[in-house]
Amino acid sequence: MSVTGKKDTAVRTQSYLERNNKSILIVLGAIILLVGGYFGYKYLVKVPENEKAVEAIAQAQQYFAADSMQLALNGDGKNAGFLKVISKYGSTPSGNLAKLYVGEAYLSLGDFNNAVKHLKDFDANGSEQTQAMVYGMLGDAYSELQKNEEAVENYKKASTTFEKNPALSSEYLYRAASLYDLMGKSKEAIELFTRLKEKYPNTERGFVADKYLGKLGAQ
């Protein structure tokens, strides 16, 4: 494949960040509502502790939204960062939510091992859309670590976990197909690009599937 072709199909975290621009923030509100219902019962006796955790995480969330990832992770000397929230309140809903923030923060900072660690610790707690995005971020992190098999498996999981969102599912199916292409697994790449074309023809990624199938000699 030419250098240009490789660039076209490369699955990189930078592309993820450019396309999604802290996309995880879109679903954080839903997560908070979700954990409020589920954990409200499970941690009924720990309400005071969780209230403290909610207060502790607030400033870190603001730093995260402002792209101040180091402050979000480690705090500012006065306010706790996400890592301290996890350390002190890891069993609370806010402590669990902090793991998700930390995973994406480390991903954006290029610390992919720590991104994997915290994303795997996070419990999506029944939210399929959130779980799909977590699988996607794990795919990005594993791809950057050149653990391609793990990356592909997570991308494929991301593409099937929340199919009610065609844009999300098609994006992760595209990344899985592209990574197979880069790995030299043309048969598997053709299979996934074909699925992308047939299942999501009206999405951005579905529109370009033919181009990649042509490059792979499938047309």
C-alpha atoms as a PDB file:
ATOM      1  CA  MET A   1       0.000   0.000   0.000  1.00  0.00           C
ATOM      2  CA  SER A   2       1.267   3.536  -0.714  1.00  0.00           C
ATOM      3  CA  VAL A   3       2.159   5.999   2.041  1.00  0.00           C
ATOM      4  CA  THR A   4      -0.953   7.974   1.127  1.00  0.00           C
ATOM      5  CA  GLY A   5      -3.094   4.869   1.416  1.00  0.00           C
ATOM      6  CA  LYS A   6      -1.674   4.108   4.813  1.00  0.00           C
ATOM      7  CA  LYS A   7      -2.415   7.612   5.967  1.00  0.00           C
ATOM      8  CA  ASP A   8      -5.959   7.299   4.677  1.00  0.00           C
ATOM      9  CA  THR A   9      -6.627   4.161   6.650  1.00  0.00           C
ATOM     10  CA  ALA A  10      -4.468   4.714   9.729  1.00  0.00           C
ATOM     11  CA  VAL A  11      -6.285   4.301  13.005  1.00  0.00           C
ATOM     12  CA  ARG A  12      -4.746   6.868  15.312  1.00  0.00           C
ATOM     13  CA  THR A  13      -5.797   8.454  18.547  1.00  0.00           C
ATOM     14  CA  GLN A  14      -5.182  11.914  17.112  1.00  0.00           C
ATOM     15  CA  SER A  15      -7.841  11.246  14.493  1.00  0.00           C
ATOM     16  CA  TYR A  16     -10.150  10.056  17.231  1.00  0.00           C
ATOM     17  CA  LEU A  17      -9.687  13.268  19.161  1.00  0.00           C
ATOM     18  CA  GLU A  18     -10.136  15.454  16.087  1.00  0.00           C
ATOM     19  CA  ARG A  19     -13.332  13.700  15.039  1.00  0.00           C
ATOM     20  CA  ASN A  20     -14.897  13.404  18.461  1.00  0.00           C
ATOM     21  CA  ASN A  21     -13.556  16.389  20.453  1.00  0.00           C
ATOM     22  CA  LYS A  22     -14.145  15.040  23.942  1.00  0.00           C
ATOM     23  CA  SER A  23     -17.133  13.056  22.750  1.00  0.00           C
ATOM     24  CA  ILE A  24     -17.389  11.328  26.090  1.00  0.00           C
ATOM     25  CA  LEU A  25     -18.839  14.535  27.534  1.00  0.00           C
ATOM     26  CA  ILE A  26     -21.942  13.975  25.402  1.00  0.00           C
ATOM     27  CA  VAL A  27     -22.940  10.962  27.467  1.00  0.00           C
ATOM     28  CA  LEU A  28     -21.723  12.009  30.901  1.00  0.00           C
ATOM     29  CA  GLY A  29     -25.109  13.453  31.803  1.00  0.00           C
ATOM     30  CA  ALA A  30     -26.754  10.137  30.989  1.00  0.00           C
ATOM     31  CA  ILE A  31     -24.158   8.296  33.050  1.00  0.00           C
ATOM     32  CA  ILE A  32     -24.779  10.499  36.054  1.00  0.00           C
ATOM     33  CA  LEU A  33     -28.515   9.832  35.827  1.00  0.00           C
ATOM     34  CA  LEU A  34     -27.825   6.139  35.427  1.00  0.00           C
ATOM     35  CA  VAL A  35     -25.540   5.807  38.398  1.00  0.00           C
ATOM     36  CA  GLY A  36     -27.914   7.874  40.462  1.00  0.00           C
ATOM     37  CA  GLY A  37     -30.584   5.206  40.044  1.00  0.00           C
ATOM     38  CA  TYR A  38     -28.407   2.123  40.290  1.00  0.00           C
ATOM     39  CA  PHE A  39     -26.011   3.176  42.981  1.00  0.00           C
ATOM     40  CA  GLY A  40     -28.644   5.118  44.890  1.00  0.00           C
ATOM     41  CA  TYR A  41     -29.851   1.784  46.222  1.00  0.00           C
ATOM     42  CA  LYS A  42     -26.555  -0.068  46.280  1.00  0.00           C
ATOM     43  CA  TYR A  43     -24.762   2.652  48.230  1.00  0.00           C
ATOM     44  CA  LEU A  44     -27.669   3.919  50.301  1.00  0.00           C
ATOM     45  CA  VAL A  45     -25.663   3.659  53.508  1.00  0.00           C
ATOM     46  CA  LYS A  46     -22.819   5.629  51.923  1.00  0.00           C
ATOM     47  CA  VAL A  47     -24.756   8.725  50.927  1.00  0.00           C
ATOM     48  CA  PRO A  48     -22.564  11.117  52.946  1.00  0.00           C
ATOM     49  CA  GLU A  49     -19.432   9.650  51.370  1.00  0.00           C
ATOM     50  CA  ASN A  50     -20.849   9.992  47.879  1.00  0.00           C
ATOM     51  CA  GLU A  51     -21.857  13.593  48.536  1.00  0.00           C
ATOM     52  CA  LYS A  52     -18.246  14.334  49.401  1.00  0.00           C
ATOM     53  CA  ALA A  53     -17.137  12.579  46.214  1.00  0.00           C
ATOM     54  CA  VAL A  54     -19.535  14.654  44.115  1.00  0.00           C
ATOM     55  CA  GLU A  55     -18.053  17.822  45.578  1.00  0.00           C
ATOM     56  CA  ALA A  56     -14.510  16.543  45.099  1.00  0.00           C
ATOM     57  CA  ILE A  57     -14.975  15.689  41.420  1.00  0.00           C
ATOM     58  CA  ALA A  58     -16.584  18.995  40.402  1.00  0.00           C
ATOM     59  CA  GLN A  59     -13.429  21.063  39.887  1.00  0.00           C
ATOM     60  CA  ALA A  60     -11.669  18.210  38.105  1.00  0.00           C
ATOM     61  CA  GLN A  61     -14.575  18.043  35.652  1.00  0.00           C
ATOM     62  CA  GLN A  62     -14.139  21.739  34.918  1.00  0.00           C
ATOM     63  CA  TYR A  63     -10.436  21.287  34.246  1.00  0.00           C
ATOM     64  CA  PHE A  64     -11.228  18.343  31.962  1.00  0.00           C
ATOM     65  CA  ALA A  65     -13.734  20.403  29.983  1.00  0.00           C
ATOM     66  CA  ALA A  66     -11.083  23.117  29.584  1.00  0.00           C
ATOM     67  CA  ASP A  67      -8.491  20.595  28.278  1.00  0.00           C
ATOM     68  CA  SER A  68      -6.324  21.073  31.374  1.00  0.00           C
ATOM     69  CA  MET A  69      -5.716  17.362  31.693  1.00  0.00           C
ATOM     70  CA  GLN A  70      -2.857  17.408  34.202  1.00  0.00           C
ATOM     71  CA  LEU A  71      -4.892  19.550  36.585  1.00  0.00           C
ATOM     72  CA  ALA A  72      -7.906  17.340  35.982  1.00  0.00           C
ATOM     73  CA  LEU A  73      -5.869  14.280  36.896  1.00  0.00           C
ATOM     74  CA  ASN A  74      -3.767  15.590  39.770  1.00  0.00           C
ATOM     75  CA  GLY A  75      -5.641  18.591  41.128  1.00  0.00           C
ATOM     76  CA  ASP A  76      -4.385  22.101  41.734  1.00  0.00           C
ATOM     77  CA  GLY A  77      -3.153  21.852  45.297  1.00  0.00           C
ATOM     78  CA  LYS A  78      -6.462  23.021  46.682  1.00  0.00           C
ATOM     79  CA  ASN A  79      -8.938  20.913  44.751  1.00  0.00           C
ATOM     80  CA  ALA A  80      -8.628  17.173  44.229  1.00  0.00           C
ATOM     81  CA  GLY A  81      -8.017  15.678  40.820  1.00  0.00           C
ATOM     82  CA  PHE A  82      -9.672  12.585  39.434  1.00  0.00           C
ATOM     83  CA  LEU A  83      -6.901  10.301  40.671  1.00  0.00           C
ATOM     84  CA  LYS A  84      -7.435  11.360  44.268  1.00  0.00           C
ATOM     85  CA  VAL A  85     -11.196  11.001  43.878  1.00  0.00           C
ATOM     86  CA  ILE A  86     -10.636   7.410  42.733  1.00  0.00           C
ATOM     87  CA  SER A  87      -8.241   6.777  45.627  1.00  0.00           C
ATOM     88  CA  LYS A  88     -10.597   8.154  48.300  1.00  0.00           C
ATOM     89  CA  TYR A  89     -14.020   7.421  46.828  1.00  0.00           C
ATOM     90  CA  GLY A  90     -13.432   4.657  44.318  1.00  0.00           C
ATOM     91  CA  SER A  91     -16.463   2.629  45.438  1.00  0.00           C
ATOM     92  CA  THR A  92     -18.912   5.491  44.931  1.00  0.00           C
ATOM     93  CA  PRO A  93     -20.670   6.535  41.697  1.00  0.00           C
ATOM     94  CA  SER A  94     -18.411   9.587  41.408  1.00  0.00           C
ATOM     95  CA  GLY A  95     -15.345   7.427  41.932  1.00  0.00           C
ATOM     96  CA  ASN A  96     -16.487   5.160  39.129  1.00  0.00           C
ATOM     97  CA  LEU A  97     -17.189   8.133  36.880  1.00  0.00           C
ATOM     98  CA  ALA A  98     -13.714   9.495  37.601  1.00  0.00           C
ATOM     99  CA  LYS A  99     -12.230   6.334  36.053  1.00  0.00           C
ATOM    100  CA  LEU A 100     -13.928   7.181  32.778  1.00  0.00           C
ATOM    101  CA  TYR A 101     -12.601  10.736  32.831  1.00  0.00           C
ATOM    102  CA  VAL A 102      -9.116   9.492  33.723  1.00  0.00           C
ATOM    103  CA  GLY A 103      -9.142   6.984  30.879  1.00  0.00           C
ATOM    104  CA  GLU A 104      -9.904   9.634  28.284  1.00  0.00           C
ATOM    105  CA  ALA A 105      -7.516  12.125  29.891  1.00  0.00           C
ATOM    106  CA  TYR A 106      -4.641   9.646  29.669  1.00  0.00           C
ATOM    107  CA  LEU A 107      -5.641   8.804  26.104  1.00  0.00           C
ATOM    108  CA  SER A 108      -5.418  12.453  25.098  1.00  0.00           C
ATOM    109  CA  LEU A 109      -2.036  12.775  26.869  1.00  0.00           C
ATOM    110  CA  GLY A 110      -0.612   9.745  25.076  1.00  0.00           C
ATOM    111  CA  ASP A 111      -0.288   7.604  28.219  1.00  0.00           C
ATOM    112  CA  PHE A 112      -1.969   4.619  26.647  1.00  0.00           C
ATOM    113  CA  ASN A 113      -1.177   2.012  29.295  1.00  0.00           C
ATOM    114  CA  ASN A 114      -2.830   4.086  31.990  1.00  0.00           C
ATOM    115  CA  ALA A 115      -5.722   4.806  29.641  1.00  0.00           C
ATOM    116  CA  VAL A 116      -6.310   1.065  29.251  1.00  0.00           C
ATOM    117  CA  LYS A 117      -6.024   0.461  32.990  1.00  0.00           C
ATOM    118  CA  HIS A 118      -8.671   2.981  33.990  1.00  0.00           C
ATOM    119  CA  LEU A 119     -11.039   2.356  31.102  1.00  0.00           C
ATOM    120  CA  LYS A 120     -11.080  -1.340  31.957  1.00  0.00           C
ATOM    121  CA  ASP A 121     -11.819  -0.483  35.595  1.00  0.00           C
ATOM    122  CA  PHE A 122     -14.802   1.689  34.675  1.00  0.00           C
ATOM    123  CA  ASP A 123     -18.261   0.142  34.978  1.00  0.00           C
ATOM    124  CA  ALA A 124     -20.679   1.409  32.317  1.00  0.00           C
ATOM    125  CA  ASN A 125     -23.415  -0.052  34.460  1.00  0.00           C
ATOM    126  CA  GLY A 126     -25.818  -1.001  31.705  1.00  0.00           C
ATOM    127  CA  SER A 127     -25.372   2.028  29.442  1.00  0.00           C
ATOM    128  CA  GLU A 128     -24.757   0.474  26.018  1.00  0.00           C
ATOM    129  CA  GLN A 129     -23.828   3.765  24.361  1.00  0.00           C
ATOM    130  CA  THR A 130     -21.237   4.511  27.011  1.00  0.00           C
ATOM    131  CA  GLN A 131     -19.867   0.978  26.853  1.00  0.00           C
ATOM    132  CA  ALA A 132     -19.528   1.252  23.078  1.00  0.00           C
ATOM    133  CA  MET A 133     -17.487   4.421  23.452  1.00  0.00           C
ATOM    134  CA  VAL A 134     -15.305   2.800  26.110  1.00  0.00           C
ATOM    135  CA  TYR A 135     -14.614  -0.130  23.789  1.00  0.00           C
ATOM    136  CA  GLY A 136     -13.740   2.400  21.090  1.00  0.00           C
ATOM    137  CA  MET A 137     -11.300   4.241  23.310  1.00  0.00           C
ATOM    138  CA  LEU A 138      -9.725   0.950  24.353  1.00  0.00           C
ATOM    139  CA  GLY A 139      -9.312   0.169  20.669  1.00  0.00           C
ATOM    140  CA  ASP A 140      -7.552   3.487  20.150  1.00  0.00           C
ATOM    141  CA  ALA A 141      -5.239   2.912  23.108  1.00  0.00           C
ATOM    142  CA  TYR A 142      -4.357  -0.642  22.078  1.00  0.00           C
ATOM    143  CA  SER A 143      -3.765   0.538  18.510  1.00  0.00           C
ATOM    144  CA  GLU A 144      -1.279   3.132  19.723  1.00  0.00           C
ATOM    145  CA  LEU A 145       0.433   0.436  21.813  1.00  0.00           C
ATOM    146  CA  GLN A 146       0.647  -1.652  18.619  1.00  0.00           C
ATOM    147  CA  LYS A 147      -1.468  -4.356  20.224  1.00  0.00           C
ATOM    148  CA  ASN A 148      -3.434  -4.696  17.043  1.00  0.00           C
ATOM    149  CA  GLU A 149      -5.397  -7.840  17.819  1.00  0.00           C
ATOM    150  CA  GLU A 150      -6.710  -6.320  21.062  1.00  0.00           C
ATOM    151  CA  ALA A 151      -7.459  -3.090  19.215  1.00  0.00           C
ATOM    152  CA  VAL A 152      -9.479  -4.829  16.496  1.00  0.00           C
ATOM    153  CA  GLU A 153     -11.472  -6.851  19.011  1.00  0.00           C
ATOM    154  CA  ASN A 154     -12.418  -3.733  20.939  1.00  0.00           C
ATOM    155  CA  TYR A 155     -13.330  -1.849  17.771  1.00  0.00           C
ATOM    156  CA  LYS A 156     -15.583  -4.716  16.714  1.00  0.00           C
ATOM    157  CA  LYS A 157     -17.241  -4.761  20.129  1.00  0.00           C
ATOM    158  CA  ALA A 158     -17.698  -0.996  19.908  1.00  0.00           C
ATOM    159  CA  SER A 159     -19.393  -1.369  16.520  1.00  0.00           C
ATOM    160  CA  THR A 160     -21.991  -3.852  17.772  1.00  0.00           C
ATOM    161  CA  THR A 161     -22.694  -2.734  21.340  1.00  0.00           C
ATOM    162  CA  PHE A 162     -24.942   0.228  20.510  1.00  0.00           C
ATOM    163  CA  GLU A 163     -26.205  -0.151  16.963  1.00  0.00           C
ATOM    164  CA  LYS A 164     -28.984   2.378  17.557  1.00  0.00           C
ATOM    165  CA  ASN A 165     -26.336   4.984  16.753  1.00  0.00           C
ATOM    166  CA  PRO A 166     -25.278   4.296  13.133  1.00  0.00           C
ATOM    167  CA  ALA A 167     -22.633   7.032  13.114  1.00  0.00           C
ATOM    168  CA  LEU A 168     -20.927   5.579  16.174  1.00  0.00           C
ATOM    169  CA  SER A 169     -21.191   1.948  15.062  1.00  0.00           C
ATOM    170  CA  SER A 170     -20.027   2.659  11.512  1.00  0.00           C
ATOM    171  CA  GLU A 171     -17.047   4.650  12.787  1.00  0.00           C
ATOM    172  CA  TYR A 172     -15.767   1.784  14.899  1.00  0.00           C
ATOM    173  CA  LEU A 173     -16.457  -0.775  12.188  1.00  0.00           C
ATOM    174  CA  TYR A 174     -14.397   1.405   9.853  1.00  0.00           C
ATOM    175  CA  ARG A 175     -11.530   1.517  12.345  1.00  0.00           C
ATOM    176  CA  ALA A 176     -11.554  -2.250  12.725  1.00  0.00           C
ATOM    177  CA  ALA A 177     -11.536  -2.723   8.938  1.00  0.00           C
ATOM    178  CA  SER A 178      -8.780  -0.145   8.488  1.00  0.00           C
ATOM    179  CA  LEU A 179      -6.614  -1.774  11.114  1.00  0.00           C
ATOM    180  CA  TYR A 180      -7.039  -5.177   9.496  1.00  0.00           C
ATOM    181  CA  ASP A 181      -5.875  -3.536   6.255  1.00  0.00           C
ATOM    182  CA  LEU A 182      -2.776  -2.138   7.948  1.00  0.00           C
ATOM    183  CA  MET A 183      -2.081  -5.551   9.456  1.00  0.00           C
ATOM    184  CA  GLY A 184      -2.099  -7.055   5.972  1.00  0.00           C
ATOM    185  CA  LYS A 185      -5.250  -9.076   6.670  1.00  0.00           C
ATOM    186  CA  SER A 186      -6.985  -8.246   3.424  1.00  0.00           C
ATOM    187  CA  LYS A 187      -9.654 -10.948   3.684  1.00  0.00           C
ATOM    188  CA  GLU A 188     -10.798  -9.722   7.079  1.00  0.00           C
ATOM    189  CA  ALA A 189     -10.612  -6.088   5.954  1.00  0.00           C
ATOM    190  CA  ILE A 190     -12.753  -6.808   2.892  1.00  0.00           C
ATOM    191  CA  GLU A 191     -15.310  -8.594   5.050  1.00  0.00           C
ATOM    192  CA  LEU A 192     -15.656  -5.625   7.404  1.00  0.00           C
ATOM    193  CA  PHE A 193     -15.625  -2.957   4.679  1.00  0.00           C
ATOM    194  CA  THR A 194     -18.332  -4.935   2.896  1.00  0.00           C
ATOM    195  CA  ARG A 195     -20.371  -5.093   6.089  1.00  0.00           C
ATOM    196  CA  LEU A 196     -19.850  -1.358   6.537  1.00  0.00           C
ATOM    197  CA  LYS A 197     -21.079  -0.652   3.014  1.00  0.00           C
ATOM    198  CA  GLU A 198     -24.136  -2.871   3.339  1.00  0.00           C
ATOM    199  CA  LYS A 199     -25.158  -2.055   6.892  1.00  0.00           C
ATOM    200  CA  TYR A 200     -24.444   1.661   7.050  1.00  0.00           C
ATOM    201  CA  PRO A 201     -24.673   2.956   3.455  1.00  0.00           C
ATOM    202  CA  ASN A 202     -25.924   6.401   4.497  1.00  0.00           C
ATOM    203  CA  THR A 203     -23.186   7.181   7.013  1.00  0.00           C
ATOM    204  CA  GLU A 204     -19.951   9.070   6.370  1.00  0.00           C
ATOM    205  CA  ARG A 205     -17.930   5.868   6.677  1.00  0.00           C
ATOM    206  CA  GLY A 206     -20.402   3.878   4.607  1.00  0.00           C
ATOM    207  CA  PHE A 207     -19.978   6.331   1.730  1.00  0.00           C
ATOM    208  CA  VAL A 208     -16.224   5.691   1.498  1.00  0.00           C
ATOM    209  CA  ALA A 209     -16.321   1.906   1.927  1.00  0.00           C
ATOM    210  CA  ASP A 210     -16.291   1.371  -1.839  1.00  0.00           C
ATOM    211  CA  LYS A 211     -13.014   3.250  -2.153  1.00  0.00           C
ATOM    212  CA  TYR A 212     -11.274   0.922   0.269  1.00  0.00           C
ATOM    213  CA  LEU A 213     -12.843  -2.169  -1.257  1.00  0.00           C
ATOM    214  CA  GLY A 214     -11.470  -1.009  -4.592  1.00  0.00           C
ATOM    215  CA  LYS A 215      -7.980  -0.589  -3.138  1.00  0.00           C
ATOM    216  CA  LEU A 216      -8.179  -4.084  -1.718  1.00  0.00           C
ATOM    217  CA  GLY A 217      -9.190  -5.501  -5.098  1.00  0.00           C
ATOM    218  CA  ALA A 218     -12.642  -6.544  -3.948  1.00  0.00           C
ATOM    219  CA  GLN A 219     -14.435  -4.843  -6.844  1.00  0.00           C
END
